[in-house]
Amino acid sequence: MRPIFGVQVTRDRPPTPRLGVTDAVDAMEDDVDVIEKFGRPDAFAAYFSDSNVTYDHRPPVFSEELGLAVEQLKDGFTISDLWSVHTD
């Protein structure tokens, strides 16, 4: 059974097939350039990479920068890295 959204549509005749549409789509070439950048990984992405594996809780440590306790950062990252947005 299909849900009723308050709109009813009736067709007098079946839709006509569009000839050549699939051919045009198949003929198009991808205009994509793959650019590989090597450098420091995005800290935001590095933290989300933990979400699908067994998560080891890192103990809270005092952050001099923020003046409060935060979860211990991954090796190689700083608090300012977490606030930086890479737009390269």
N, C-alpha and C. Protein backbone atom coordinates (compact mmCIF):
# COMPACT_ATOMS: atom_id res chain seq x y z
N MET A 1 0.85 -1.18 0.00
CA MET A 1 0.00 0.00 0.00
C MET A 1 0.89 1.24 0.00
N ARG A 2 0.58 2.17 -0.85
CA ARG A 2 1.36 3.41 -0.94
C ARG A 2 0.75 4.46 -0.02
N PRO A 3 1.59 5.28 0.59
CA PRO A 3 1.04 6.35 1.45
C PRO A 3 0.36 7.42 0.61
N ILE A 4 -0.61 8.10 1.19
CA ILE A 4 -1.33 9.18 0.52
C ILE A 4 -0.81 10.49 1.10
N PHE A 5 -0.25 11.34 0.25
CA PHE A 5 0.31 12.61 0.68
C PHE A 5 -0.62 13.79 0.39
N GLY A 6 -1.87 13.53 0.05
CA GLY A 6 -2.82 14.60 -0.21
C GLY A 6 -2.85 15.05 -1.65
N VAL A 7 -2.09 14.41 -2.52
CA VAL A 7 -2.07 14.76 -3.94
C VAL A 7 -2.37 13.50 -4.73
N GLN A 8 -3.34 13.60 -5.62
CA GLN A 8 -3.67 12.46 -6.46
C GLN A 8 -3.40 12.83 -7.91
N VAL A 9 -2.73 11.94 -8.61
CA VAL A 9 -2.39 12.18 -10.00
C VAL A 9 -2.96 11.04 -10.83
N THR A 10 -3.65 11.42 -11.90
CA THR A 10 -4.13 10.41 -12.84
C THR A 10 -3.59 10.77 -14.22
N ARG A 11 -3.15 9.76 -14.94
CA ARG A 11 -2.62 9.98 -16.28
C ARG A 11 -3.62 9.48 -17.30
N ASP A 12 -3.88 10.32 -18.31
CA ASP A 12 -4.79 9.93 -19.37
C ASP A 12 -4.14 8.90 -20.29
N ARG A 13 -2.83 9.02 -20.46
CA ARG A 13 -2.12 8.09 -21.34
C ARG A 13 -0.73 7.84 -20.73
N PRO A 14 -0.14 6.75 -21.07
CA PRO A 14 1.20 6.46 -20.51
C PRO A 14 2.23 7.43 -21.08
N PRO A 15 3.29 7.70 -20.33
CA PRO A 15 4.32 8.62 -20.84
C PRO A 15 5.02 8.05 -22.06
N THR A 16 5.38 8.94 -22.97
CA THR A 16 6.06 8.50 -24.19
C THR A 16 7.55 8.32 -23.90
N PRO A 17 8.15 7.27 -24.43
CA PRO A 17 9.58 7.06 -24.18
C PRO A 17 10.40 8.12 -24.90
N ARG A 18 11.46 8.56 -24.27
CA ARG A 18 12.33 9.56 -24.87
C ARG A 18 13.46 8.84 -25.59
N LEU A 19 13.50 9.01 -26.87
CA LEU A 19 14.52 8.34 -27.67
C LEU A 19 15.80 9.16 -27.68
N GLY A 20 16.92 8.50 -27.53
CA GLY A 20 18.20 9.18 -27.63
C GLY A 20 18.70 9.79 -26.34
N VAL A 21 17.90 9.82 -25.30
CA VAL A 21 18.34 10.45 -24.05
C VAL A 21 19.45 9.63 -23.41
N THR A 22 19.29 8.33 -23.36
CA THR A 22 20.32 7.50 -22.75
C THR A 22 21.60 7.52 -23.57
N ASP A 23 21.47 7.65 -24.90
CA ASP A 23 22.66 7.70 -25.74
C ASP A 23 23.48 8.96 -25.45
N ALA A 24 22.81 10.08 -25.22
CA ALA A 24 23.51 11.33 -24.93
C ALA A 24 24.23 11.24 -23.59
N VAL A 25 23.61 10.60 -22.62
CA VAL A 25 24.23 10.46 -21.31
C VAL A 25 25.44 9.54 -21.40
N ASP A 26 25.32 8.46 -22.15
CA ASP A 26 26.44 7.53 -22.30
C ASP A 26 27.61 8.17 -23.04
N ALA A 27 27.32 9.08 -23.96
CA ALA A 27 28.37 9.69 -24.77
C ALA A 27 29.16 10.75 -24.01
N MET A 28 28.60 11.28 -22.92
CA MET A 28 29.30 12.32 -22.17
C MET A 28 30.52 11.73 -21.48
N GLU A 29 31.59 12.49 -21.47
CA GLU A 29 32.81 12.06 -20.80
C GLU A 29 32.93 12.80 -19.48
N ASP A 30 33.53 12.14 -18.52
CA ASP A 30 33.76 12.79 -17.23
C ASP A 30 34.87 13.81 -17.39
N ASP A 31 34.61 15.01 -16.90
CA ASP A 31 35.61 16.07 -16.92
C ASP A 31 36.08 16.28 -15.49
N VAL A 32 36.83 15.31 -14.98
CA VAL A 32 37.26 15.34 -13.59
C VAL A 32 38.77 15.21 -13.54
N ASP A 33 39.38 16.09 -12.78
CA ASP A 33 40.82 16.00 -12.54
C ASP A 33 41.03 15.52 -11.11
N VAL A 34 41.75 14.45 -10.95
CA VAL A 34 42.05 13.93 -9.62
C VAL A 34 43.35 14.55 -9.16
N ILE A 35 43.26 15.25 -8.04
CA ILE A 35 44.43 15.92 -7.49
C ILE A 35 44.75 15.26 -6.16
N GLU A 36 45.93 14.72 -6.07
CA GLU A 36 46.35 14.10 -4.82
C GLU A 36 47.29 15.06 -4.11
N LYS A 37 46.91 15.38 -2.88
CA LYS A 37 47.75 16.27 -2.09
C LYS A 37 48.35 15.46 -0.95
N PHE A 38 49.60 15.66 -0.76
CA PHE A 38 50.28 15.00 0.34
C PHE A 38 50.61 16.08 1.36
N GLY A 39 50.29 15.84 2.56
CA GLY A 39 50.56 16.80 3.60
C GLY A 39 49.90 16.36 4.88
N ARG A 40 49.72 17.29 5.74
CA ARG A 40 49.14 16.99 7.04
C ARG A 40 47.67 16.63 6.88
N PRO A 41 47.20 15.54 7.50
CA PRO A 41 45.80 15.17 7.38
C PRO A 41 44.90 16.14 8.14
N ASP A 42 43.68 16.23 7.71
CA ASP A 42 42.70 17.08 8.37
C ASP A 42 42.38 16.49 9.74
N ALA A 43 42.53 17.29 10.79
CA ALA A 43 42.30 16.79 12.16
C ALA A 43 40.86 16.37 12.35
N PHE A 44 39.93 17.10 11.78
CA PHE A 44 38.51 16.77 11.90
C PHE A 44 38.24 15.38 11.33
N ALA A 45 38.79 15.11 10.16
CA ALA A 45 38.61 13.80 9.53
C ALA A 45 39.31 12.71 10.32
N ALA A 46 40.45 13.03 10.90
CA ALA A 46 41.18 12.04 11.68
C ALA A 46 40.38 11.60 12.90
N TYR A 47 39.66 12.52 13.51
CA TYR A 47 38.86 12.16 14.67
C TYR A 47 37.64 11.33 14.27
N PHE A 48 37.06 11.59 13.12
CA PHE A 48 35.91 10.81 12.68
C PHE A 48 36.32 9.43 12.18
N SER A 49 37.58 9.24 11.88
CA SER A 49 38.02 7.92 11.42
C SER A 49 37.94 6.90 12.55
N ASP A 50 37.84 7.35 13.79
CA ASP A 50 37.72 6.45 14.95
C ASP A 50 36.32 5.89 15.12
N SER A 51 35.33 6.47 14.49
CA SER A 51 33.94 6.15 14.81
C SER A 51 33.54 4.73 14.43
N ASN A 52 34.18 4.10 13.46
CA ASN A 52 33.78 2.77 13.03
C ASN A 52 34.59 1.64 13.65
N VAL A 53 35.56 1.98 14.45
CA VAL A 53 36.37 0.96 15.10
C VAL A 53 36.10 0.99 16.59
N THR A 54 36.59 0.00 17.29
CA THR A 54 36.39 0.01 18.74
C THR A 54 37.06 1.25 19.28
N TYR A 55 36.32 2.04 19.99
CA TYR A 55 36.76 3.35 20.42
C TYR A 55 37.46 3.25 21.76
N ASP A 56 38.72 3.59 21.79
CA ASP A 56 39.46 3.64 23.05
C ASP A 56 39.32 5.04 23.60
N HIS A 57 38.71 5.15 24.77
CA HIS A 57 38.54 6.47 25.38
C HIS A 57 39.89 6.98 25.85
N ARG A 58 40.20 8.18 25.45
CA ARG A 58 41.44 8.80 25.89
C ARG A 58 41.13 9.56 27.17
N PRO A 59 42.02 9.52 28.14
CA PRO A 59 41.75 10.16 29.42
C PRO A 59 41.71 11.68 29.28
N PRO A 60 40.95 12.36 30.15
CA PRO A 60 40.92 13.82 30.10
C PRO A 60 42.24 14.39 30.63
N VAL A 61 42.68 15.44 29.98
CA VAL A 61 43.89 16.15 30.40
C VAL A 61 43.58 17.64 30.43
N PHE A 62 44.32 18.40 31.24
CA PHE A 62 44.10 19.84 31.33
C PHE A 62 44.75 20.53 30.14
N SER A 63 43.99 21.36 29.45
CA SER A 63 44.49 22.12 28.31
C SER A 63 44.83 23.53 28.77
N GLU A 64 46.11 23.88 28.68
CA GLU A 64 46.54 25.24 29.04
C GLU A 64 45.90 26.27 28.11
N GLU A 65 45.74 25.89 26.82
CA GLU A 65 45.16 26.80 25.83
C GLU A 65 43.73 27.19 26.16
N LEU A 66 42.93 26.19 26.57
CA LEU A 66 41.51 26.43 26.83
C LEU A 66 41.21 26.70 28.29
N GLY A 67 42.08 26.24 29.17
CA GLY A 67 41.85 26.44 30.59
C GLY A 67 40.85 25.47 31.18
N LEU A 68 40.69 24.31 30.55
CA LEU A 68 39.78 23.29 31.06
C LEU A 68 40.23 21.92 30.61
N ALA A 69 39.59 20.90 31.15
CA ALA A 69 39.96 19.53 30.81
C ALA A 69 39.33 19.12 29.48
N VAL A 70 40.12 18.47 28.65
CA VAL A 70 39.64 17.98 27.36
C VAL A 70 40.13 16.55 27.18
N GLU A 71 39.53 15.83 26.25
CA GLU A 71 40.01 14.49 25.94
C GLU A 71 41.42 14.61 25.37
N GLN A 72 42.29 13.71 25.77
CA GLN A 72 43.65 13.73 25.27
C GLN A 72 43.64 13.65 23.75
N LEU A 73 44.40 14.53 23.12
CA LEU A 73 44.42 14.60 21.66
C LEU A 73 45.22 13.46 21.06
N LYS A 74 44.91 13.15 19.81
CA LYS A 74 45.70 12.15 19.09
C LYS A 74 47.11 12.68 18.90
N ASP A 75 48.05 11.78 18.78
CA ASP A 75 49.44 12.17 18.57
C ASP A 75 49.57 13.00 17.30
N GLY A 76 50.30 14.11 17.40
CA GLY A 76 50.55 14.94 16.23
C GLY A 76 49.54 16.05 16.01
N PHE A 77 48.51 16.16 16.86
CA PHE A 77 47.50 17.20 16.70
C PHE A 77 47.49 18.14 17.89
N THR A 78 47.11 19.38 17.64
CA THR A 78 46.98 20.38 18.70
C THR A 78 45.55 20.90 18.72
N ILE A 79 45.22 21.64 19.77
CA ILE A 79 43.88 22.24 19.87
C ILE A 79 43.63 23.17 18.69
N SER A 80 44.64 23.95 18.30
CA SER A 80 44.44 24.87 17.18
C SER A 80 44.21 24.12 15.87
N ASP A 81 44.76 22.90 15.73
CA ASP A 81 44.49 22.09 14.54
C ASP A 81 43.01 21.75 14.44
N LEU A 82 42.38 21.51 15.58
CA LEU A 82 40.96 21.15 15.56
C LEU A 82 40.08 22.31 15.15
N TRP A 83 40.55 23.54 15.34
CA TRP A 83 39.77 24.72 14.98
C TRP A 83 40.08 25.21 13.57
N SER A 84 41.12 24.68 12.95
CA SER A 84 41.52 25.12 11.61
C SER A 84 40.69 24.42 10.55
N VAL A 85 40.28 25.18 9.56
CA VAL A 85 39.56 24.62 8.42
C VAL A 85 40.48 24.71 7.22
N HIS A 86 40.76 23.57 6.61
CA HIS A 86 41.65 23.54 5.45
C HIS A 86 40.81 23.69 4.18
N THR A 87 41.08 24.76 3.44
CA THR A 87 40.31 25.02 2.22
C THR A 87 41.16 24.86 0.97
N ASP A 88 42.30 24.20 1.09
CA ASP A 88 43.19 24.02 -0.06
C ASP A 88 42.50 23.26 -1.15
